[in-house]
PDB file of all heavy atoms in Angstrom:
ATOM      1  N   ILE A   1       0.873  -1.192   0.000  1.00  0.00           N
ATOM      2  CA  ILE A   1       0.029  -0.023   0.009  1.00  0.00           C
ATOM      3  C   ILE A   1       0.902   1.241  -0.011  1.00  0.00           C
ATOM      4  O   ILE A   1       1.811   1.358   0.859  1.00  0.00           O
ATOM      5  CB  ILE A   1      -0.917   0.053   1.254  1.00  0.00           C
ATOM      6  CG1 ILE A   1      -1.836  -1.171   1.302  1.00  0.00           C
ATOM      7  CG2 ILE A   1      -1.743   1.363   1.262  1.00  0.00           C
ATOM      8  CD1 ILE A   1      -2.547  -1.327   2.626  1.00  0.00           C
ATOM      9  N   LEU A   2       0.652   2.097  -0.942  1.00  0.00           N
ATOM     10  CA  LEU A   2       1.412   3.312  -1.053  1.00  0.00           C
ATOM     11  C   LEU A   2       0.462   4.523  -1.002  1.00  0.00           C
ATOM     12  O   LEU A   2      -0.481   4.582  -1.808  1.00  0.00           O
ATOM     13  CB  LEU A   2       2.142   3.290  -2.349  1.00  0.00           C
ATOM     14  CG  LEU A   2       2.899   4.545  -2.638  1.00  0.00           C
ATOM     15  CD1 LEU A   2       4.348   4.166  -3.009  1.00  0.00           C
ATOM     16  CD2 LEU A   2       2.301   5.287  -3.797  1.00  0.00           C
ATOM     17  N   VAL A   3       0.663   5.390  -0.031  1.00  0.00           N
ATOM     18  CA  VAL A   3      -0.075   6.647  -0.019  1.00  0.00           C
ATOM     19  C   VAL A   3       0.805   7.729  -0.532  1.00  0.00           C
ATOM     20  O   VAL A   3       1.876   8.032  -0.013  1.00  0.00           O
ATOM     21  CB  VAL A   3      -0.585   6.989   1.413  1.00  0.00           C
ATOM     22  CG1 VAL A   3      -1.257   8.330   1.440  1.00  0.00           C
ATOM     23  CG2 VAL A   3      -1.524   5.860   1.927  1.00  0.00           C
ATOM     24  N   GLN A   4       0.423   8.332  -1.656  1.00  0.00           N
ATOM     25  CA  GLN A   4       1.283   9.317  -2.343  1.00  0.00           C
ATOM     26  C   GLN A   4       1.353  10.578  -1.497  1.00  0.00           C
ATOM     27  O   GLN A   4       0.363  11.145  -1.123  1.00  0.00           O
ATOM     28  CB  GLN A   4       0.689   9.620  -3.704  1.00  0.00           C
ATOM     29  CG  GLN A   4       1.521  10.531  -4.567  1.00  0.00           C
ATOM     30  CD  GLN A   4       2.882   9.990  -4.982  1.00  0.00           C
ATOM     31  OE1 GLN A   4       3.035   8.790  -5.220  1.00  0.00           O
ATOM     32  NE2 GLN A   4       3.910  10.806  -4.961  1.00  0.00           N
ATOM     33  N   LEU A   5       2.590  10.965  -1.163  1.00  0.00           N
ATOM     34  CA  LEU A   5       2.855  12.175  -0.388  1.00  0.00           C
ATOM     35  C   LEU A   5       3.292  13.248  -1.382  1.00  0.00           C
ATOM     36  O   LEU A   5       3.758  13.023  -2.468  1.00  0.00           O
ATOM     37  CB  LEU A   5       4.017  11.885   0.636  1.00  0.00           C
ATOM     38  CG  LEU A   5       3.746  10.742   1.582  1.00  0.00           C
ATOM     39  CD1 LEU A   5       4.967  10.527   2.525  1.00  0.00           C
ATOM     40  CD2 LEU A   5       2.503  10.944   2.385  1.00  0.00           C
ATOM     41  N   PRO A   6       3.135  14.556  -0.956  1.00  0.00           N
ATOM     42  CA  PRO A   6       2.532  15.107   0.244  1.00  0.00           C
ATOM     43  C   PRO A   6       0.989  14.996   0.256  1.00  0.00           C
ATOM     44  O   PRO A   6       0.366  15.009  -0.844  1.00  0.00           O
ATOM     45  CB  PRO A   6       3.000  16.499   0.280  1.00  0.00           C
ATOM     46  CG  PRO A   6       3.180  16.870  -1.136  1.00  0.00           C
ATOM     47  CD  PRO A   6       3.601  15.640  -1.882  1.00  0.00           C
ATOM     48  N   LEU A   7       0.381  14.905   1.424  1.00  0.00           N
ATOM     49  CA  LEU A   7      -1.011  14.921   1.593  1.00  0.00           C
ATOM     50  C   LEU A   7      -1.501  16.368   1.822  1.00  0.00           C
ATOM     51  O   LEU A   7      -0.650  17.155   2.298  1.00  0.00           O
ATOM     52  CB  LEU A   7      -1.457  14.034   2.764  1.00  0.00           C
ATOM     53  CG  LEU A   7      -1.267  12.543   2.574  1.00  0.00           C
ATOM     54  CD1 LEU A   7      -1.452  11.794   3.881  1.00  0.00           C
ATOM     55  CD2 LEU A   7      -2.255  11.983   1.512  1.00  0.00           C
ATOM     56  N   PRO A   8      -2.727  16.698   1.569  1.00  0.00           N
ATOM     57  CA  PRO A   8      -3.273  18.058   1.815  1.00  0.00           C
ATOM     58  C   PRO A   8      -3.048  18.440   3.260  1.00  0.00           C
ATOM     59  O   PRO A   8      -3.039  17.553   4.152  1.00  0.00           O
ATOM     60  CB  PRO A   8      -4.746  17.938   1.485  1.00  0.00           C
ATOM     61  CG  PRO A   8      -4.827  16.769   0.558  1.00  0.00           C
ATOM     62  CD  PRO A   8      -3.791  15.813   0.968  1.00  0.00           C
ATOM     63  N   LYS A   9      -2.923  19.733   3.502  1.00  0.00           N
ATOM     64  CA  LYS A   9      -2.637  20.298   4.864  1.00  0.00           C
ATOM     65  C   LYS A   9      -3.527  19.793   5.983  1.00  0.00           C
ATOM     66  O   LYS A   9      -3.142  19.631   7.128  1.00  0.00           O
ATOM     67  CB  LYS A   9      -2.703  21.832   4.840  1.00  0.00           C
ATOM     68  CG  LYS A   9      -1.663  22.472   3.941  1.00  0.00           C
ATOM     69  CD  LYS A   9      -0.343  22.745   4.704  1.00  0.00           C
ATOM     70  CE  LYS A   9       0.701  23.476   3.870  1.00  0.00           C
ATOM     71  NZ  LYS A   9       1.349  22.604   2.918  1.00  0.00           N
ATOM     72  N   HIS A  10      -4.844  19.598   5.662  1.00  0.00           N
ATOM     73  CA  HIS A  10      -5.807  19.237   6.731  1.00  0.00           C
ATOM     74  C   HIS A  10      -5.683  17.745   7.188  1.00  0.00           C
ATOM     75  O   HIS A  10      -6.390  17.369   8.109  1.00  0.00           O
ATOM     76  CB  HIS A  10      -7.210  19.524   6.319  1.00  0.00           C
ATOM     77  CG  HIS A  10      -7.750  18.649   5.153  1.00  0.00           C
ATOM     78  ND1 HIS A  10      -7.432  18.874   3.860  1.00  0.00           N
ATOM     79  CD2 HIS A  10      -8.485  17.529   5.184  1.00  0.00           C
ATOM     80  CE1 HIS A  10      -7.967  17.924   3.107  1.00  0.00           C
ATOM     81  NE2 HIS A  10      -8.637  17.148   3.832  1.00  0.00           N
ATOM     82  N   ILE A  11      -4.768  16.995   6.516  1.00  0.00           N
ATOM     83  CA  ILE A  11      -4.606  15.573   6.939  1.00  0.00           C
ATOM     84  C   ILE A  11      -3.276  15.366   7.655  1.00  0.00           C
ATOM     85  O   ILE A  11      -2.262  15.827   7.169  1.00  0.00           O
ATOM     86  CB  ILE A  11      -4.765  14.679   5.689  1.00  0.00           C
ATOM     87  CG1 ILE A  11      -6.169  14.821   5.071  1.00  0.00           C
ATOM     88  CG2 ILE A  11      -4.474  13.215   5.980  1.00  0.00           C
ATOM     89  CD1 ILE A  11      -6.377  14.061   3.762  1.00  0.00           C
ATOM     90  N   ASN A  12      -3.297  14.626   8.730  1.00  0.00           N
ATOM     91  CA  ASN A  12      -2.074  14.343   9.504  1.00  0.00           C
ATOM     92  C   ASN A  12      -1.412  13.143   8.827  1.00  0.00           C
ATOM     93  O   ASN A  12      -1.835  12.024   9.002  1.00  0.00           O
ATOM     94  CB  ASN A  12      -2.473  14.077  10.933  1.00  0.00           C
ATOM     95  CG  ASN A  12      -1.287  13.772  11.801  1.00  0.00           C
ATOM     96  OD1 ASN A  12      -0.268  13.288  11.322  1.00  0.00           O
ATOM     97  ND2 ASN A  12      -1.361  13.984  13.088  1.00  0.00           N
ATOM     98  N   GLU A  13      -0.260  13.466   8.184  1.00  0.00           N
ATOM     99  CA  GLU A  13       0.477  12.470   7.435  1.00  0.00           C
ATOM    100  C   GLU A  13       0.910  11.261   8.328  1.00  0.00           C
ATOM    101  O   GLU A  13       0.744  10.122   7.941  1.00  0.00           O
ATOM    102  CB  GLU A  13       1.740  13.172   6.876  1.00  0.00           C
ATOM    103  CG  GLU A  13       2.256  12.573   5.625  1.00  0.00           C
ATOM    104  CD  GLU A  13       3.284  13.477   4.991  1.00  0.00           C
ATOM    105  OE1 GLU A  13       2.930  14.290   4.146  1.00  0.00           O
ATOM    106  OE2 GLU A  13       4.436  13.336   5.355  1.00  0.00           O
ATOM    107  N   GLU A  14       1.456  11.608   9.508  1.00  0.00           N
ATOM    108  CA  GLU A  14       2.036  10.621  10.389  1.00  0.00           C
ATOM    109  C   GLU A  14       0.886   9.622  10.773  1.00  0.00           C
ATOM    110  O   GLU A  14       1.102   8.397  10.824  1.00  0.00           O
ATOM    111  CB  GLU A  14       2.605  11.276  11.630  1.00  0.00           C
ATOM    112  CG  GLU A  14       3.306  10.236  12.507  1.00  0.00           C
ATOM    113  CD  GLU A  14       3.880  10.893  13.777  1.00  0.00           C
ATOM    114  OE1 GLU A  14       3.781  12.093  14.014  1.00  0.00           O
ATOM    115  OE2 GLU A  14       4.489  10.120  14.596  1.00  0.00           O
ATOM    116  N   LYS A  15      -0.276  10.197  11.073  1.00  0.00           N
ATOM    117  CA  LYS A  15      -1.374   9.371  11.539  1.00  0.00           C
ATOM    118  C   LYS A  15      -1.794   8.371  10.458  1.00  0.00           C
ATOM    119  O   LYS A  15      -2.039   7.174  10.688  1.00  0.00           O
ATOM    120  CB  LYS A  15      -2.594  10.298  11.892  1.00  0.00           C
ATOM    121  CG  LYS A  15      -3.566   9.614  12.840  1.00  0.00           C
ATOM    122  CD  LYS A  15      -4.612  10.608  13.351  1.00  0.00           C
ATOM    123  CE  LYS A  15      -5.781   9.875  13.965  1.00  0.00           C
ATOM    124  NZ  LYS A  15      -6.939  10.684  14.239  1.00  0.00           N
ATOM    125  N   VAL A  16      -1.854   8.879   9.242  1.00  0.00           N
ATOM    126  CA  VAL A  16      -2.262   8.026   8.113  1.00  0.00           C
ATOM    127  C   VAL A  16      -1.274   6.948   7.810  1.00  0.00           C
ATOM    128  O   VAL A  16      -1.635   5.753   7.728  1.00  0.00           O
ATOM    129  CB  VAL A  16      -2.485   8.905   6.825  1.00  0.00           C
ATOM    130  CG1 VAL A  16      -2.788   7.965   5.577  1.00  0.00           C
ATOM    131  CG2 VAL A  16      -3.655   9.842   7.040  1.00  0.00           C
ATOM    132  N   LEU A  17       0.052   7.315   7.810  1.00  0.00           N
ATOM    133  CA  LEU A  17       1.102   6.340   7.514  1.00  0.00           C
ATOM    134  C   LEU A  17       1.170   5.195   8.563  1.00  0.00           C
ATOM    135  O   LEU A  17       1.458   4.054   8.255  1.00  0.00           O
ATOM    136  CB  LEU A  17       2.480   6.986   7.355  1.00  0.00           C
ATOM    137  CG  LEU A  17       2.606   7.980   6.175  1.00  0.00           C
ATOM    138  CD1 LEU A  17       4.015   8.567   6.153  1.00  0.00           C
ATOM    139  CD2 LEU A  17       2.272   7.295   4.843  1.00  0.00           C
ATOM    140  N   THR A  18       0.898   5.593   9.825  1.00  0.00           N
ATOM    141  CA  THR A  18       0.917   4.598  10.860  1.00  0.00           C
ATOM    142  C   THR A  18      -0.169   3.560  10.781  1.00  0.00           C
ATOM    143  O   THR A  18      -0.098   2.502  11.329  1.00  0.00           O
ATOM    144  CB  THR A  18       0.908   5.321  12.259  1.00  0.00           C
ATOM    145  OG1 THR A  18       1.934   6.351  12.228  1.00  0.00           O
ATOM    146  CG2 THR A  18       1.185   4.426  13.412  1.00  0.00           C
ATOM    147  N   GLU A  19      -1.253   3.971  10.061  1.00  0.00           N
ATOM    148  CA  GLU A  19      -2.379   3.022   9.862  1.00  0.00           C
ATOM    149  C   GLU A  19      -2.099   1.936   8.815  1.00  0.00           C
ATOM    150  O   GLU A  19      -2.822   0.950   8.775  1.00  0.00           O
ATOM    151  CB  GLU A  19      -3.657   3.828   9.491  1.00  0.00           C
ATOM    152  CG  GLU A  19      -4.180   4.709  10.599  1.00  0.00           C
ATOM    153  CD  GLU A  19      -4.728   3.935  11.814  1.00  0.00           C
ATOM    154  OE1 GLU A  19      -5.162   2.833  11.631  1.00  0.00           O
ATOM    155  OE2 GLU A  19      -4.616   4.461  12.919  1.00  0.00           O
ATOM    156  N   ILE A  20      -1.123   2.166   8.001  1.00  0.00           N
ATOM    157  CA  ILE A  20      -0.812   1.116   6.965  1.00  0.00           C
ATOM    158  C   ILE A  20      -0.242  -0.097   7.658  1.00  0.00           C
ATOM    159  O   ILE A  20       0.614   0.006   8.516  1.00  0.00           O
ATOM    160  CB  ILE A  20       0.235   1.709   5.936  1.00  0.00           C
ATOM    161  CG1 ILE A  20      -0.408   2.874   5.177  1.00  0.00           C
ATOM    162  CG2 ILE A  20       0.629   0.574   4.925  1.00  0.00           C
ATOM    163  CD1 ILE A  20       0.624   3.575   4.245  1.00  0.00           C
ATOM    164  N   SER A  21      -0.751  -1.272   7.340  1.00  0.00           N
ATOM    165  CA  SER A  21      -0.248  -2.531   7.902  1.00  0.00           C
ATOM    166  C   SER A  21       1.224  -2.613   7.655  1.00  0.00           C
ATOM    167  O   SER A  21       1.725  -2.397   6.498  1.00  0.00           O
ATOM    168  CB  SER A  21      -1.012  -3.693   7.284  1.00  0.00           C
ATOM    169  OG  SER A  21      -0.179  -4.844   7.312  1.00  0.00           O
ATOM    170  N   LEU A  22       1.987  -3.034   8.709  1.00  0.00           N
ATOM    171  CA  LEU A  22       3.454  -3.133   8.616  1.00  0.00           C
ATOM    172  C   LEU A  22       3.879  -4.033   7.448  1.00  0.00           C
ATOM    173  O   LEU A  22       4.839  -3.787   6.825  1.00  0.00           O
ATOM    174  CB  LEU A  22       3.951  -3.653   9.966  1.00  0.00           C
ATOM    175  CG  LEU A  22       5.373  -3.363  10.383  1.00  0.00           C
ATOM    176  CD1 LEU A  22       5.650  -1.903  10.348  1.00  0.00           C
ATOM    177  CD2 LEU A  22       5.690  -3.959  11.731  1.00  0.00           C
ATOM    178  N   GLU A  23       3.076  -5.147   7.285  1.00  0.00           N
ATOM    179  CA  GLU A  23       3.427  -6.095   6.240  1.00  0.00           C
ATOM    180  C   GLU A  23       3.231  -5.568   4.839  1.00  0.00           C
ATOM    181  O   GLU A  23       3.619  -6.165   3.828  1.00  0.00           O
ATOM    182  CB  GLU A  23       2.568  -7.368   6.387  1.00  0.00           C
ATOM    183  CG  GLU A  23       2.938  -8.332   7.484  1.00  0.00           C
ATOM    184  CD  GLU A  23       2.428  -7.834   8.854  1.00  0.00           C
ATOM    185  OE1 GLU A  23       1.312  -7.365   8.933  1.00  0.00           O
ATOM    186  OE2 GLU A  23       3.199  -7.921   9.817  1.00  0.00           O
ATOM    187  N   LYS A  24       2.465  -4.408   4.746  1.00  0.00           N
ATOM    188  CA  LYS A  24       2.151  -3.859   3.403  1.00  0.00           C
ATOM    189  C   LYS A  24       2.782  -2.505   3.199  1.00  0.00           C
ATOM    190  O   LYS A  24       2.560  -1.854   2.204  1.00  0.00           O
ATOM    191  CB  LYS A  24       0.609  -3.769   3.239  1.00  0.00           C
ATOM    192  CG  LYS A  24      -0.052  -5.151   3.367  1.00  0.00           C
ATOM    193  CD  LYS A  24      -1.538  -5.082   3.003  1.00  0.00           C
ATOM    194  CE  LYS A  24      -2.170  -6.435   3.172  1.00  0.00           C
ATOM    195  NZ  LYS A  24      -3.552  -6.540   2.630  1.00  0.00           N
ATOM    196  N   ASP A  25       3.694  -2.106   4.104  1.00  0.00           N
ATOM    197  CA  ASP A  25       4.272  -0.801   4.037  1.00  0.00           C
ATOM    198  C   ASP A  25       5.438  -0.701   3.047  1.00  0.00           C
ATOM    199  O   ASP A  25       6.620  -0.588   3.405  1.00  0.00           O
ATOM    200  CB  ASP A  25       4.776  -0.394   5.460  1.00  0.00           C
ATOM    201  CG  ASP A  25       5.586   0.873   5.498  1.00  0.00           C
ATOM    202  OD1 ASP A  25       5.267   1.815   4.700  1.00  0.00           O
ATOM    203  OD2 ASP A  25       6.637   0.939   6.199  1.00  0.00           O
ATOM    204  N   VAL A  26       5.089  -0.850   1.737  1.00  0.00           N
ATOM    205  CA  VAL A  26       6.157  -0.950   0.730  1.00  0.00           C
ATOM    206  C   VAL A  26       6.960   0.332   0.539  1.00  0.00           C
ATOM    207  O   VAL A  26       8.046   0.343  -0.079  1.00  0.00           O
ATOM    208  CB  VAL A  26       5.618  -1.379  -0.692  1.00  0.00           C
ATOM    209  CG1 VAL A  26       5.358  -2.861  -0.694  1.00  0.00           C
ATOM    210  CG2 VAL A  26       4.335  -0.592  -1.010  1.00  0.00           C
ATOM    211  N   ASP A  27       6.527   1.437   1.069  1.00  0.00           N
ATOM    212  CA  ASP A  27       7.232   2.675   1.056  1.00  0.00           C
ATOM    213  C   ASP A  27       8.326   2.706   2.144  1.00  0.00           C
ATOM    214  O   ASP A  27       9.229   3.498   2.124  1.00  0.00           O
ATOM    215  CB  ASP A  27       6.299   3.883   1.227  1.00  0.00           C
ATOM    216  CG  ASP A  27       6.343   4.757   0.003  1.00  0.00           C
ATOM    217  OD1 ASP A  27       7.247   4.632  -0.837  1.00  0.00           O
ATOM    218  OD2 ASP A  27       5.470   5.645  -0.127  1.00  0.00           O
ATOM    219  N   GLY A  28       8.125   1.802   3.137  1.00  0.00           N
ATOM    220  CA  GLY A  28       9.099   1.678   4.236  1.00  0.00           C
ATOM    221  C   GLY A  28       9.095   2.820   5.199  1.00  0.00           C
ATOM    222  O   GLY A  28      10.065   3.079   5.914  1.00  0.00           O
ATOM    223  N   PHE A  29       7.971   3.595   5.272  1.00  0.00           N
ATOM    224  CA  PHE A  29       7.945   4.796   6.126  1.00  0.00           C
ATOM    225  C   PHE A  29       7.247   4.613   7.437  1.00  0.00           C
ATOM    226  O   PHE A  29       7.123   5.500   8.222  1.00  0.00           O
ATOM    227  CB  PHE A  29       7.196   5.955   5.411  1.00  0.00           C
ATOM    228  CG  PHE A  29       7.987   6.483   4.199  1.00  0.00           C
ATOM    229  CD1 PHE A  29       7.314   7.025   3.090  1.00  0.00           C
ATOM    230  CD2 PHE A  29       9.378   6.389   4.211  1.00  0.00           C
ATOM    231  CE1 PHE A  29       8.083   7.443   1.985  1.00  0.00           C
ATOM    232  CE2 PHE A  29      10.136   6.891   3.073  1.00  0.00           C
ATOM    233  CZ  PHE A  29       9.411   7.387   2.012  1.00  0.00           C
ATOM    234  N   HIS A  30       6.746   3.398   7.708  1.00  0.00           N
ATOM    235  CA  HIS A  30       6.099   3.132   8.986  1.00  0.00           C
ATOM    236  C   HIS A  30       7.143   3.339  10.075  1.00  0.00           C
ATOM    237  O   HIS A  30       8.276   2.918   9.941  1.00  0.00           O
ATOM    238  CB  HIS A  30       5.579   1.710   9.054  1.00  0.00           C
ATOM    239  CG  HIS A  30       4.646   1.406  10.226  1.00  0.00           C
ATOM    240  ND1 HIS A  30       5.140   1.339  11.495  1.00  0.00           N
ATOM    241  CD2 HIS A  30       3.300   1.250  10.274  1.00  0.00           C
ATOM    242  CE1 HIS A  30       4.055   1.155  12.346  1.00  0.00           C
ATOM    243  NE2 HIS A  30       2.997   1.062  11.631  1.00  0.00           N
ATOM    244  N   PRO A  31       6.788   4.051  11.157  1.00  0.00           N
ATOM    245  CA  PRO A  31       7.801   4.340  12.192  1.00  0.00           C
ATOM    246  C   PRO A  31       8.528   3.055  12.675  1.00  0.00           C
ATOM    247  O   PRO A  31       9.728   3.084  13.024  1.00  0.00           O
ATOM    248  CB  PRO A  31       6.981   4.940  13.357  1.00  0.00           C
ATOM    249  CG  PRO A  31       5.803   5.511  12.679  1.00  0.00           C
ATOM    250  CD  PRO A  31       5.504   4.706  11.491  1.00  0.00           C
ATOM    251  N   LEU A  32       7.829   1.892  12.684  1.00  0.00           N
ATOM    252  CA  LEU A  32       8.476   0.657  13.106  1.00  0.00           C
ATOM    253  C   LEU A  32       9.558   0.197  12.114  1.00  0.00           C
ATOM    254  O   LEU A  32      10.548  -0.319  12.542  1.00  0.00           O
ATOM    255  CB  LEU A  32       7.459  -0.420  13.321  1.00  0.00           C
ATOM    256  CG  LEU A  32       6.835  -0.514  14.766  1.00  0.00           C
ATOM    257  CD1 LEU A  32       5.692  -1.523  14.809  1.00  0.00           C
ATOM    258  CD2 LEU A  32       7.916  -0.918  15.775  1.00  0.00           C
ATOM    259  N   ASN A  33       9.232   0.361  10.833  1.00  0.00           N
ATOM    260  CA  ASN A  33      10.228   0.005   9.800  1.00  0.00           C
ATOM    261  C   ASN A  33      11.458   0.910   9.941  1.00  0.00           C
ATOM    262  O   ASN A  33      12.585   0.458   9.851  1.00  0.00           O
ATOM    263  CB  ASN A  33       9.615   0.023   8.415  1.00  0.00           C
ATOM    264  CG  ASN A  33       8.959  -1.290   8.042  1.00  0.00           C
ATOM    265  OD1 ASN A  33       9.437  -2.377   8.484  1.00  0.00           O
ATOM    266  ND2 ASN A  33       7.939  -1.272   7.256  1.00  0.00           N
ATOM    267  N   ILE A  34      11.235   2.231  10.061  1.00  0.00           N
ATOM    268  CA  ILE A  34      12.319   3.179  10.174  1.00  0.00           C
ATOM    269  C   ILE A  34      13.138   2.929  11.465  1.00  0.00           C
ATOM    270  O   ILE A  34      14.362   2.919  11.479  1.00  0.00           O
ATOM    271  CB  ILE A  34      11.812   4.623  10.143  1.00  0.00           C
ATOM    272  CG1 ILE A  34      11.251   4.996   8.755  1.00  0.00           C
ATOM    273  CG2 ILE A  34      12.968   5.616  10.499  1.00  0.00           C
ATOM    274  CD1 ILE A  34      12.273   5.170   7.649  1.00  0.00           C
ATOM    275  N   GLY A  35      12.423   2.608  12.552  1.00  0.00           N
ATOM    276  CA  GLY A  35      13.047   2.283  13.807  1.00  0.00           C
ATOM    277  C   GLY A  35      13.973   1.099  13.716  1.00  0.00           C
ATOM    278  O   GLY A  35      15.097   1.087  14.198  1.00  0.00           O
ATOM    279  N   LYS A  36      13.508   0.037  13.016  1.00  0.00           N
ATOM    280  CA  LYS A  36      14.340  -1.142  12.826  1.00  0.00           C
ATOM    281  C   LYS A  36      15.541  -0.845  11.940  1.00  0.00           C
ATOM    282  O   LYS A  36      16.587  -1.463  12.190  1.00  0.00           O
ATOM    283  CB  LYS A  36      13.508  -2.300  12.264  1.00  0.00           C
ATOM    284  CG  LYS A  36      12.560  -2.935  13.241  1.00  0.00           C
ATOM    285  CD  LYS A  36      11.925  -4.161  12.622  1.00  0.00           C
ATOM    286  CE  LYS A  36      11.199  -4.963  13.725  1.00  0.00           C
ATOM    287  NZ  LYS A  36      10.816  -6.278  13.282  1.00  0.00           N
ATOM    288  N   LEU A  37      15.332   0.005  10.977  1.00  0.00           N
ATOM    289  CA  LEU A  37      16.421   0.402  10.116  1.00  0.00           C
ATOM    290  C   LEU A  37      17.531   1.097  10.890  1.00  0.00           C
ATOM    291  O   LEU A  37      18.718   0.919  10.639  1.00  0.00           O
ATOM    292  CB  LEU A  37      15.888   1.331   9.006  1.00  0.00           C
ATOM    293  CG  LEU A  37      16.915   1.931   8.026  1.00  0.00           C
ATOM    294  CD1 LEU A  37      17.646   0.830   7.230  1.00  0.00           C
ATOM    295  CD2 LEU A  37      16.204   2.873   7.037  1.00  0.00           C
ATOM    296  N   ALA A  38      17.131   1.778  11.953  1.00  0.00           N
ATOM    297  CA  ALA A  38      18.093   2.539  12.716  1.00  0.00           C
ATOM    298  C   ALA A  38      18.860   1.719  13.749  1.00  0.00           C
ATOM    299  O   ALA A  38      19.853   2.105  14.280  1.00  0.00           O
ATOM    300  CB  ALA A  38      17.352   3.685  13.471  1.00  0.00           C
ATOM    301  N   MET A  39      18.329   0.481  14.009  1.00  0.00           N
ATOM    302  CA  MET A  39      18.941  -0.360  15.039  1.00  0.00           C
ATOM    303  C   MET A  39      19.859  -1.441  14.478  1.00  0.00           C
ATOM    304  O   MET A  39      19.563  -2.005  13.469  1.00  0.00           O
ATOM    305  CB  MET A  39      17.834  -0.992  15.866  1.00  0.00           C
ATOM    306  CG  MET A  39      17.039   0.056  16.668  1.00  0.00           C
ATOM    307  SD  MET A  39      15.545  -0.622  17.399  1.00  0.00           S
ATOM    308  CE  MET A  39      16.232  -1.392  18.863  1.00  0.00           C
ATOM    309  N   LYS A  40      20.970  -1.612  15.153  1.00  0.00           N
ATOM    310  CA  LYS A  40      21.938  -2.609  14.727  1.00  0.00           C
ATOM    311  C   LYS A  40      21.364  -4.039  14.878  1.00  0.00           C
ATOM    312  O   LYS A  40      20.693  -4.299  15.905  1.00  0.00           O
ATOM    313  CB  LYS A  40      23.191  -2.423  15.612  1.00  0.00           C
ATOM    314  CG  LYS A  40      24.440  -2.982  14.933  1.00  0.00           C
ATOM    315  CD  LYS A  40      25.677  -2.677  15.722  1.00  0.00           C
ATOM    316  CE  LYS A  40      26.838  -3.486  15.180  1.00  0.00           C
ATOM    317  NZ  LYS A  40      28.025  -3.342  15.945  1.00  0.00           N
ATOM    318  N   GLY A  41      21.559  -4.841  13.928  1.00  0.00           N
ATOM    319  CA  GLY A  41      21.128  -6.278  14.109  1.00  0.00           C
ATOM    320  C   GLY A  41      19.609  -6.451  13.891  1.00  0.00           C
ATOM    321  O   GLY A  41      19.094  -7.505  14.147  1.00  0.00           O
ATOM    322  N   ARG A  42      18.864  -5.374  13.500  1.00  0.00           N
ATOM    323  CA  ARG A  42      17.458  -5.555  13.189  1.00  0.00           C
ATOM    324  C   ARG A  42      17.266  -5.261  11.710  1.00  0.00           C
ATOM    325  O   ARG A  42      17.981  -4.414  11.184  1.00  0.00           O
ATOM    326  CB  ARG A  42      16.606  -4.573  13.985  1.00  0.00           C
ATOM    327  CG  ARG A  42      16.842  -4.462  15.448  1.00  0.00           C
ATOM    328  CD  ARG A  42      16.105  -5.630  16.223  1.00  0.00           C
ATOM    329  NE  ARG A  42      16.613  -5.687  17.563  1.00  0.00           N
ATOM    330  CZ  ARG A  42      16.113  -5.046  18.582  1.00  0.00           C
ATOM    331  NH1 ARG A  42      15.101  -4.222  18.385  1.00  0.00           N
ATOM    332  NH2 ARG A  42      16.588  -5.258  19.789  1.00  0.00           N
ATOM    333  N   ASP A  43      16.336  -5.913  11.108  1.00  0.00           N
ATOM    334  CA  ASP A  43      16.012  -5.640   9.706  1.00  0.00           C
ATOM    335  C   ASP A  43      14.580  -5.250   9.550  1.00  0.00           C
ATOM    336  O   ASP A  43      13.680  -5.944   9.984  1.00  0.00           O
ATOM    337  CB  ASP A  43      16.360  -6.864   8.850  1.00  0.00           C
ATOM    338  CG  ASP A  43      17.816  -7.046   8.710  1.00  0.00           C
ATOM    339  OD1 ASP A  43      18.504  -6.071   8.393  1.00  0.00           O
ATOM    340  OD2 ASP A  43      18.295  -8.173   8.970  1.00  0.00           O
ATOM    341  N   PRO A  44      14.328  -4.088   8.925  1.00  0.00           N
ATOM    342  CA  PRO A  44      12.964  -3.660   8.623  1.00  0.00           C
ATOM    343  C   PRO A  44      12.359  -4.642   7.588  1.00  0.00           C
ATOM    344  O   PRO A  44      13.073  -5.296   6.867  1.00  0.00           O
ATOM    345  CB  PRO A  44      13.118  -2.295   8.026  1.00  0.00           C
ATOM    346  CG  PRO A  44      14.481  -2.125   7.581  1.00  0.00           C
ATOM    347  CD  PRO A  44      15.322  -3.101   8.374  1.00  0.00           C
ATOM    348  N   LEU A  45      11.039  -4.760   7.557  1.00  0.00           N
ATOM    349  CA  LEU A  45      10.397  -5.567   6.524  1.00  0.00           C
ATOM    350  C   LEU A  45      10.642  -4.948   5.154  1.00  0.00           C
ATOM    351  O   LEU A  45      10.765  -5.670   4.162  1.00  0.00           O
ATOM    352  CB  LEU A  45       8.917  -5.667   6.822  1.00  0.00           C
ATOM    353  CG  LEU A  45       8.466  -6.611   7.960  1.00  0.00           C
ATOM    354  CD1 LEU A  45       6.960  -6.510   8.209  1.00  0.00           C
ATOM    355  CD2 LEU A  45       8.884  -8.028   7.657  1.00  0.00           C
TER     356      LEU A  45
END
């Protein structure tokens, strides 16, 4: 699932992106995927 950014001003981007299922976050922007990318020995989906 890809939500094309930027979104209009009245929509909270972070809130929308966090709702995408982690298993379907092909843009890799879910906070959990970015968090795993930042950590040693962890791999984002």
